[in-house]
Amino acid sequence: MERFENQRWTSQEVARLIAVFESERRYFDEMVTTLPVPVATVNGDGAILSANQAFLRQFRVNREELERKSLAIVFGDAGWRAALM
């Protein structure tokens, strides 16, 4: 759906794009959840947004401990870098 500068998105096009985005996000979440290797997603500030079961097992943490905390807080300032290597 390519647009030129003077064209606007219709509400139907926006709704379709949002639906596609949500579908892709769910697919990504399901894929990451089932991976046998530890995976965590973090934002630009290093706050953990999500982690799969393999991550929780590997680093012996529970989901509540991770919720919106930074990697540095959970693993220690230098420890999180070593844990990810």
PDB file of N, CA and C in Angstrom:
ATOM      1  N   MET A   1       0.825  -1.179   0.000  1.00  0.00           N
ATOM      2  CA  MET A   1       0.000   0.000   0.000  1.00  0.00           C
ATOM      3  C   MET A   1       0.872   1.246   0.000  1.00  0.00           C
ATOM      4  N   GLU A   2       1.382   1.570  -1.107  1.00  0.00           N
ATOM      5  CA  GLU A   2       2.247   2.742  -1.222  1.00  0.00           C
ATOM      6  C   GLU A   2       1.401   4.001  -1.314  1.00  0.00           C
ATOM      7  N   ARG A   3       1.833   5.055  -0.679  1.00  0.00           N
ATOM      8  CA  ARG A   3       1.115   6.327  -0.673  1.00  0.00           C
ATOM      9  C   ARG A   3       2.032   7.449  -1.134  1.00  0.00           C
ATOM     10  N   PHE A   4       1.429   8.393  -1.826  1.00  0.00           N
ATOM     11  CA  PHE A   4       2.140   9.611  -2.170  1.00  0.00           C
ATOM     12  C   PHE A   4       1.874  10.620  -1.068  1.00  0.00           C
ATOM     13  N   GLU A   5       2.654  11.676  -1.028  1.00  0.00           N
ATOM     14  CA  GLU A   5       2.555  12.635   0.072  1.00  0.00           C
ATOM     15  C   GLU A   5       1.162  13.226   0.241  1.00  0.00           C
ATOM     16  N   ASN A   6       0.451  13.449  -0.849  1.00  0.00           N
ATOM     17  CA  ASN A   6      -0.840  14.120  -0.752  1.00  0.00           C
ATOM     18  C   ASN A   6      -2.013  13.153  -0.591  1.00  0.00           C
ATOM     19  N   GLN A   7      -1.744  11.859  -0.480  1.00  0.00           N
ATOM     20  CA  GLN A   7      -2.811  10.881  -0.296  1.00  0.00           C
ATOM     21  C   GLN A   7      -2.935  10.509   1.175  1.00  0.00           C
ATOM     22  N   ARG A   8      -4.152  10.241   1.587  1.00  0.00           N
ATOM     23  CA  ARG A   8      -4.411   9.865   2.979  1.00  0.00           C
ATOM     24  C   ARG A   8      -4.888   8.423   3.041  1.00  0.00           C
ATOM     25  N   TRP A   9      -4.623   7.780   4.174  1.00  0.00           N
ATOM     26  CA  TRP A   9      -5.087   6.416   4.399  1.00  0.00           C
ATOM     27  C   TRP A   9      -6.567   6.455   4.735  1.00  0.00           C
ATOM     28  N   THR A  10      -7.311   5.524   4.204  1.00  0.00           N
ATOM     29  CA  THR A  10      -8.712   5.401   4.602  1.00  0.00           C
ATOM     30  C   THR A  10      -8.760   4.635   5.917  1.00  0.00           C
ATOM     31  N   SER A  11      -9.878   4.754   6.615  1.00  0.00           N
ATOM     32  CA  SER A  11     -10.003   4.045   7.888  1.00  0.00           C
ATOM     33  C   SER A  11      -9.958   2.531   7.676  1.00  0.00           C
ATOM     34  N   GLN A  12     -10.470   2.046   6.555  1.00  0.00           N
ATOM     35  CA  GLN A  12     -10.411   0.613   6.255  1.00  0.00           C
ATOM     36  C   GLN A  12      -8.970   0.155   6.043  1.00  0.00           C
ATOM     37  N   GLU A  13      -8.176   0.967   5.358  1.00  0.00           N
ATOM     38  CA  GLU A  13      -6.767   0.616   5.136  1.00  0.00           C
ATOM     39  C   GLU A  13      -6.001   0.601   6.453  1.00  0.00           C
ATOM     40  N   VAL A  14      -6.268   1.570   7.300  1.00  0.00           N
ATOM     41  CA  VAL A  14      -5.606   1.626   8.609  1.00  0.00           C
ATOM     42  C   VAL A  14      -6.000   0.406   9.436  1.00  0.00           C
ATOM     43  N   ALA A  15      -7.286   0.072   9.441  1.00  0.00           N
ATOM     44  CA  ALA A  15      -7.750  -1.093  10.194  1.00  0.00           C
ATOM     45  C   ALA A  15      -7.085  -2.366   9.673  1.00  0.00           C
ATOM     46  N   ARG A  16      -6.946  -2.482   8.366  1.00  0.00           N
ATOM     47  CA  ARG A  16      -6.300  -3.660   7.779  1.00  0.00           C
ATOM     48  C   ARG A  16      -4.833  -3.742   8.188  1.00  0.00           C
ATOM     49  N   LEU A  17      -4.134  -2.614   8.165  1.00  0.00           N
ATOM     50  CA  LEU A  17      -2.727  -2.594   8.563  1.00  0.00           C
ATOM     51  C   LEU A  17      -2.562  -2.961  10.038  1.00  0.00           C
ATOM     52  N   ILE A  18      -3.454  -2.462  10.876  1.00  0.00           N
ATOM     53  CA  ILE A  18      -3.398  -2.791  12.304  1.00  0.00           C
ATOM     54  C   ILE A  18      -3.636  -4.281  12.510  1.00  0.00           C
ATOM     55  N   ALA A  19      -4.597  -4.841  11.782  1.00  0.00           N
ATOM     56  CA  ALA A  19      -4.879  -6.272  11.892  1.00  0.00           C
ATOM     57  C   ALA A  19      -3.682  -7.106  11.457  1.00  0.00           C
ATOM     58  N   VAL A  20      -3.016  -6.708  10.377  1.00  0.00           N
ATOM     59  CA  VAL A  20      -1.827  -7.420   9.901  1.00  0.00           C
ATOM     60  C   VAL A  20      -0.712  -7.321  10.937  1.00  0.00           C
ATOM     61  N   PHE A  21      -0.515  -6.139  11.476  1.00  0.00           N
ATOM     62  CA  PHE A  21       0.514  -5.941  12.494  1.00  0.00           C
ATOM     63  C   PHE A  21       0.257  -6.829  13.709  1.00  0.00           C
ATOM     64  N   GLU A  22      -0.975  -6.839  14.205  1.00  0.00           N
ATOM     65  CA  GLU A  22      -1.317  -7.662  15.370  1.00  0.00           C
ATOM     66  C   GLU A  22      -1.121  -9.148  15.081  1.00  0.00           C
ATOM     67  N   SER A  23      -1.471  -9.573  13.894  1.00  0.00           N
ATOM     68  CA  SER A  23      -1.276 -10.977  13.512  1.00  0.00           C
ATOM     69  C   SER A  23       0.205 -11.334  13.501  1.00  0.00           C
ATOM     70  N   GLU A  24       1.021 -10.472  12.945  1.00  0.00           N
ATOM     71  CA  GLU A  24       2.465 -10.708  12.905  1.00  0.00           C
ATOM     72  C   GLU A  24       3.067 -10.694  14.305  1.00  0.00           C
ATOM     73  N   ARG A  25       2.572  -9.808  15.155  1.00  0.00           N
ATOM     74  CA  ARG A  25       3.080  -9.748  16.531  1.00  0.00           C
ATOM     75  C   ARG A  25       2.752 -11.033  17.275  1.00  0.00           C
ATOM     76  N   ARG A  26       1.526 -11.538  17.120  1.00  0.00           N
ATOM     77  CA  ARG A  26       1.147 -12.795  17.770  1.00  0.00           C
ATOM     78  C   ARG A  26       2.004 -13.953  17.256  1.00  0.00           C
ATOM     79  N   TYR A  27       2.263 -13.982  15.950  1.00  0.00           N
ATOM     80  CA  TYR A  27       3.101 -15.027  15.365  1.00  0.00           C
ATOM     81  C   TYR A  27       4.508 -14.970  15.966  1.00  0.00           C
ATOM     82  N   PHE A  28       5.082 -13.787  16.056  1.00  0.00           N
ATOM     83  CA  PHE A  28       6.411 -13.621  16.640  1.00  0.00           C
ATOM     84  C   PHE A  28       6.416 -14.076  18.099  1.00  0.00           C
ATOM     85  N   ASP A  29       5.415 -13.650  18.863  1.00  0.00           N
ATOM     86  CA  ASP A  29       5.337 -14.035  20.273  1.00  0.00           C
ATOM     87  C   ASP A  29       5.267 -15.550  20.433  1.00  0.00           C
ATOM     88  N   GLU A  30       4.442 -16.209  19.626  1.00  0.00           N
ATOM     89  CA  GLU A  30       4.318 -17.664  19.697  1.00  0.00           C
ATOM     90  C   GLU A  30       5.621 -18.350  19.309  1.00  0.00           C
ATOM     91  N   MET A  31       6.291 -17.826  18.309  1.00  0.00           N
ATOM     92  CA  MET A  31       7.555 -18.412  17.866  1.00  0.00           C
ATOM     93  C   MET A  31       8.612 -18.302  18.967  1.00  0.00           C
ATOM     94  N   VAL A  32       8.732 -17.127  19.556  1.00  0.00           N
ATOM     95  CA  VAL A  32       9.732 -16.911  20.612  1.00  0.00           C
ATOM     96  C   VAL A  32       9.419 -17.771  21.830  1.00  0.00           C
ATOM     97  N   THR A  33       8.159 -17.894  22.168  1.00  0.00           N
ATOM     98  CA  THR A  33       7.751 -18.685  23.332  1.00  0.00           C
ATOM     99  C   THR A  33       8.202 -20.131  23.222  1.00  0.00           C
ATOM    100  N   THR A  34       8.166 -20.685  22.029  1.00  0.00           N
ATOM    101  CA  THR A  34       8.479 -22.101  21.853  1.00  0.00           C
ATOM    102  C   THR A  34       9.950 -22.388  21.564  1.00  0.00           C
ATOM    103  N   LEU A  35      10.769 -21.375  21.411  1.00  0.00           N
ATOM    104  CA  LEU A  35      12.186 -21.614  21.153  1.00  0.00           C
ATOM    105  C   LEU A  35      12.843 -22.297  22.352  1.00  0.00           C
ATOM    106  N   PRO A  36      13.735 -23.248  22.094  1.00  0.00           N
ATOM    107  CA  PRO A  36      14.405 -23.936  23.204  1.00  0.00           C
ATOM    108  C   PRO A  36      15.586 -23.144  23.775  1.00  0.00           C
ATOM    109  N   VAL A  37      15.905 -22.016  23.192  1.00  0.00           N
ATOM    110  CA  VAL A  37      17.021 -21.194  23.664  1.00  0.00           C
ATOM    111  C   VAL A  37      16.477 -19.961  24.384  1.00  0.00           C
ATOM    112  N   PRO A  38      17.224 -19.426  25.350  1.00  0.00           N
ATOM    113  CA  PRO A  38      16.755 -18.260  26.093  1.00  0.00           C
ATOM    114  C   PRO A  38      16.643 -17.030  25.194  1.00  0.00           C
ATOM    115  N   VAL A  39      15.485 -16.374  25.238  1.00  0.00           N
ATOM    116  CA  VAL A  39      15.259 -15.159  24.466  1.00  0.00           C
ATOM    117  C   VAL A  39      14.496 -14.165  25.328  1.00  0.00           C
ATOM    118  N   ALA A  40      14.964 -12.930  25.332  1.00  0.00           N
ATOM    119  CA  ALA A  40      14.249 -11.848  26.008  1.00  0.00           C
ATOM    120  C   ALA A  40      14.211 -10.658  25.061  1.00  0.00           C
ATOM    121  N   THR A  41      13.134  -9.911  25.116  1.00  0.00           N
ATOM    122  CA  THR A  41      13.064  -8.671  24.357  1.00  0.00           C
ATOM    123  C   THR A  41      13.198  -7.523  25.335  1.00  0.00           C
ATOM    124  N   VAL A  42      13.957  -6.526  24.939  1.00  0.00           N
ATOM    125  CA  VAL A  42      14.177  -5.357  25.787  1.00  0.00           C
ATOM    126  C   VAL A  42      13.919  -4.093  24.977  1.00  0.00           C
ATOM    127  N   ASN A  43      13.568  -3.020  25.676  1.00  0.00           N
ATOM    128  CA  ASN A  43      13.392  -1.764  24.970  1.00  0.00           C
ATOM    129  C   ASN A  43      14.721  -1.012  24.916  1.00  0.00           C
ATOM    130  N   GLY A  44      14.700   0.184  24.388  1.00  0.00           N
ATOM    131  CA  GLY A  44      15.924   0.957  24.219  1.00  0.00           C
ATOM    132  C   GLY A  44      16.633   1.306  25.515  1.00  0.00           C
ATOM    133  N   ASP A  45      15.891   1.300  26.617  1.00  0.00           N
ATOM    134  CA  ASP A  45      16.486   1.605  27.922  1.00  0.00           C
ATOM    135  C   ASP A  45      16.989   0.365  28.641  1.00  0.00           C
ATOM    136  N   GLY A  46      16.837  -0.800  27.999  1.00  0.00           N
ATOM    137  CA  GLY A  46      17.283  -2.049  28.609  1.00  0.00           C
ATOM    138  C   GLY A  46      16.250  -2.696  29.512  1.00  0.00           C
ATOM    139  N   ALA A  47      15.019  -2.155  29.548  1.00  0.00           N
ATOM    140  CA  ALA A  47      13.960  -2.760  30.359  1.00  0.00           C
ATOM    141  C   ALA A  47      13.456  -4.010  29.651  1.00  0.00           C
ATOM    142  N   ILE A  48      13.324  -5.088  30.404  1.00  0.00           N
ATOM    143  CA  ILE A  48      12.871  -6.352  29.842  1.00  0.00           C
ATOM    144  C   ILE A  48      11.367  -6.268  29.589  1.00  0.00           C
ATOM    145  N   LEU A  49      10.986  -6.509  28.329  1.00  0.00           N
ATOM    146  CA  LEU A  49       9.576  -6.477  27.958  1.00  0.00           C
ATOM    147  C   LEU A  49       8.948  -7.861  28.016  1.00  0.00           C
ATOM    148  N   SER A  50       9.714  -8.875  27.637  1.00  0.00           N
ATOM    149  CA  SER A  50       9.223 -10.251  27.701  1.00  0.00           C
ATOM    150  C   SER A  50      10.407 -11.204  27.697  1.00  0.00           C
ATOM    151  N   ALA A  51      10.140 -12.427  28.142  1.00  0.00           N
ATOM    152  CA  ALA A  51      11.165 -13.466  28.151  1.00  0.00           C
ATOM    153  C   ALA A  51      10.472 -14.813  28.007  1.00  0.00           C
ATOM    154  N   ASN A  52      11.111 -15.722  27.290  1.00  0.00           N
ATOM    155  CA  ASN A  52      10.507 -17.042  27.123  1.00  0.00           C
ATOM    156  C   ASN A  52      10.877 -17.947  28.309  1.00  0.00           C
ATOM    157  N   GLN A  53      10.253 -19.132  28.347  1.00  0.00           N
ATOM    158  CA  GLN A  53      10.486 -20.080  29.447  1.00  0.00           C
ATOM    159  C   GLN A  53      11.941 -20.508  29.533  1.00  0.00           C
ATOM    160  N   ALA A  54      12.588 -20.684  28.394  1.00  0.00           N
ATOM    161  CA  ALA A  54      13.999 -21.088  28.400  1.00  0.00           C
ATOM    162  C   ALA A  54      14.852 -20.023  29.087  1.00  0.00           C
ATOM    163  N   PHE A  55      14.530 -18.756  28.889  1.00  0.00           N
ATOM    164  CA  PHE A  55      15.253 -17.661  29.546  1.00  0.00           C
ATOM    165  C   PHE A  55      15.037 -17.731  31.053  1.00  0.00           C
ATOM    166  N   LEU A  56      13.793 -17.926  31.461  1.00  0.00           N
ATOM    167  CA  LEU A  56      13.482 -17.992  32.889  1.00  0.00           C
ATOM    168  C   LEU A  56      14.210 -19.154  33.559  1.00  0.00           C
ATOM    169  N   ARG A  57      14.234 -20.310  32.899  1.00  0.00           N
ATOM    170  CA  ARG A  57      14.947 -21.474  33.454  1.00  0.00           C
ATOM    171  C   ARG A  57      16.455 -21.239  33.498  1.00  0.00           C
ATOM    172  N   GLN A  58      17.012 -20.759  32.399  1.00  0.00           N
ATOM    173  CA  GLN A  58      18.468 -20.562  32.291  1.00  0.00           C
ATOM    174  C   GLN A  58      18.994 -19.639  33.390  1.00  0.00           C
ATOM    175  N   PHE A  59      18.264 -18.553  33.630  1.00  0.00           N
ATOM    176  CA  PHE A  59      18.755 -17.549  34.565  1.00  0.00           C
ATOM    177  C   PHE A  59      18.080 -17.619  35.931  1.00  0.00           C
ATOM    178  N   ARG A  60      17.279 -18.678  36.131  1.00  0.00           N
ATOM    179  CA  ARG A  60      16.641 -18.951  37.425  1.00  0.00           C
ATOM    180  C   ARG A  60      15.910 -17.722  37.988  1.00  0.00           C
ATOM    181  N   VAL A  61      15.074 -17.158  37.139  1.00  0.00           N
ATOM    182  CA  VAL A  61      14.244 -16.022  37.549  1.00  0.00           C
ATOM    183  C   VAL A  61      12.800 -16.344  37.196  1.00  0.00           C
ATOM    184  N   ASN A  62      11.879 -15.645  37.834  1.00  0.00           N
ATOM    185  CA  ASN A  62      10.473 -15.814  37.463  1.00  0.00           C
ATOM    186  C   ASN A  62       9.994 -14.556  36.745  1.00  0.00           C
ATOM    187  N   ARG A  63       8.872 -14.676  36.107  1.00  0.00           N
ATOM    188  CA  ARG A  63       8.352 -13.587  35.287  1.00  0.00           C
ATOM    189  C   ARG A  63       8.144 -12.309  36.096  1.00  0.00           C
ATOM    190  N   GLU A  64       7.686 -12.438  37.330  1.00  0.00           N
ATOM    191  CA  GLU A  64       7.442 -11.270  38.177  1.00  0.00           C
ATOM    192  C   GLU A  64       8.738 -10.515  38.474  1.00  0.00           C
ATOM    193  N   GLU A  65       9.836 -11.252  38.624  1.00  0.00           N
ATOM    194  CA  GLU A  65      11.123 -10.604  38.879  1.00  0.00           C
ATOM    195  C   GLU A  65      11.579  -9.758  37.688  1.00  0.00           C
ATOM    196  N   LEU A  66      11.163 -10.163  36.505  1.00  0.00           N
ATOM    197  CA  LEU A  66      11.615  -9.480  35.295  1.00  0.00           C
ATOM    198  C   LEU A  66      10.751  -8.304  34.881  1.00  0.00           C
ATOM    199  N   GLU A  67       9.506  -8.299  35.302  1.00  0.00           N
ATOM    200  CA  GLU A  67       8.537  -7.363  34.771  1.00  0.00           C
ATOM    201  C   GLU A  67       9.010  -5.908  34.829  1.00  0.00           C
ATOM    202  N   ARG A  68       9.265  -5.367  33.656  1.00  0.00           N
ATOM    203  CA  ARG A  68       9.657  -3.961  33.459  1.00  0.00           C
ATOM    204  C   ARG A  68      10.931  -3.545  34.193  1.00  0.00           C
ATOM    205  N   LYS A  69      11.735  -4.517  34.598  1.00  0.00           N
ATOM    206  CA  LYS A  69      13.021  -4.190  35.207  1.00  0.00           C
ATOM    207  C   LYS A  69      14.092  -4.229  34.141  1.00  0.00           C
ATOM    208  N   SER A  70      15.161  -3.529  34.387  1.00  0.00           N
ATOM    209  CA  SER A  70      16.246  -3.530  33.413  1.00  0.00           C
ATOM    210  C   SER A  70      17.125  -4.758  33.614  1.00  0.00           C
ATOM    211  N   LEU A  71      17.835  -5.123  32.567  1.00  0.00           N
ATOM    212  CA  LEU A  71      18.779  -6.234  32.662  1.00  0.00           C
ATOM    213  C   LEU A  71      19.804  -5.966  33.748  1.00  0.00           C
ATOM    214  N   ALA A  72      20.235  -4.726  33.882  1.00  0.00           N
ATOM    215  CA  ALA A  72      21.249  -4.373  34.882  1.00  0.00           C
ATOM    216  C   ALA A  72      20.737  -4.606  36.300  1.00  0.00           C
ATOM    217  N   ILE A  73      19.462  -4.347  36.553  1.00  0.00           N
ATOM    218  CA  ILE A  73      18.904  -4.555  37.893  1.00  0.00           C
ATOM    219  C   ILE A  73      18.755  -6.046  38.189  1.00  0.00           C
ATOM    220  N   VAL A  74      18.277  -6.799  37.214  1.00  0.00           N
ATOM    221  CA  VAL A  74      18.043  -8.230  37.430  1.00  0.00           C
ATOM    222  C   VAL A  74      19.343  -8.996  37.586  1.00  0.00           C
ATOM    223  N   PHE A  75      20.341  -8.696  36.749  1.00  0.00           N
ATOM    224  CA  PHE A  75      21.582  -9.468  36.738  1.00  0.00           C
ATOM    225  C   PHE A  75      22.779  -8.738  37.322  1.00  0.00           C
ATOM    226  N   GLY A  76      22.596  -7.525  37.780  1.00  0.00           N
ATOM    227  CA  GLY A  76      23.724  -6.740  38.249  1.00  0.00           C
ATOM    228  C   GLY A  76      24.319  -5.979  37.073  1.00  0.00           C
ATOM    229  N   ASP A  77      24.911  -4.869  37.346  1.00  0.00           N
ATOM    230  CA  ASP A  77      25.373  -3.977  36.284  1.00  0.00           C
ATOM    231  C   ASP A  77      26.308  -4.653  35.292  1.00  0.00           C
ATOM    232  N   ALA A  78      27.293  -5.396  35.781  1.00  0.00           N
ATOM    233  CA  ALA A  78      28.223  -6.076  34.867  1.00  0.00           C
ATOM    234  C   ALA A  78      27.789  -7.506  34.576  1.00  0.00           C
ATOM    235  N   GLY A  79      27.032  -8.099  35.486  1.00  0.00           N
ATOM    236  CA  GLY A  79      26.653  -9.496  35.349  1.00  0.00           C
ATOM    237  C   GLY A  79      25.757  -9.798  34.165  1.00  0.00           C
ATOM    238  N   TRP A  80      24.905  -8.841  33.772  1.00  0.00           N
ATOM    239  CA  TRP A  80      23.983  -9.122  32.672  1.00  0.00           C
ATOM    240  C   TRP A  80      24.735  -9.260  31.361  1.00  0.00           C
ATOM    241  N   ARG A  81      25.802  -8.514  31.183  1.00  0.00           N
ATOM    242  CA  ARG A  81      26.573  -8.631  29.940  1.00  0.00           C
ATOM    243  C   ARG A  81      27.249 -10.016  29.866  1.00  0.00           C
ATOM    244  N   ALA A  82      27.770 -10.475  30.993  1.00  0.00           N
ATOM    245  CA  ALA A  82      28.413 -11.802  31.019  1.00  0.00           C
ATOM    246  C   ALA A  82      27.375 -12.898  30.819  1.00  0.00           C
ATOM    247  N   ALA A  83      26.175 -12.705  31.363  1.00  0.00           N
ATOM    248  CA  ALA A  83      25.124 -13.722  31.239  1.00  0.00           C
ATOM    249  C   ALA A  83      24.687 -13.893  29.797  1.00  0.00           C
ATOM    250  N   LEU A  84      24.790 -12.854  29.007  1.00  0.00           N
ATOM    251  CA  LEU A  84      24.337 -12.917  27.620  1.00  0.00           C
ATOM    252  C   LEU A  84      25.430 -13.355  26.655  1.00  0.00           C
ATOM    253  N   MET A  85      26.632 -13.521  27.129  1.00  0.00           N
ATOM    254  CA  MET A  85      27.733 -13.932  26.239  1.00  0.00           C
ATOM    255  C   MET A  85      27.804 -15.429  26.106  1.00  0.00           C
TER     256      MET A  85
END
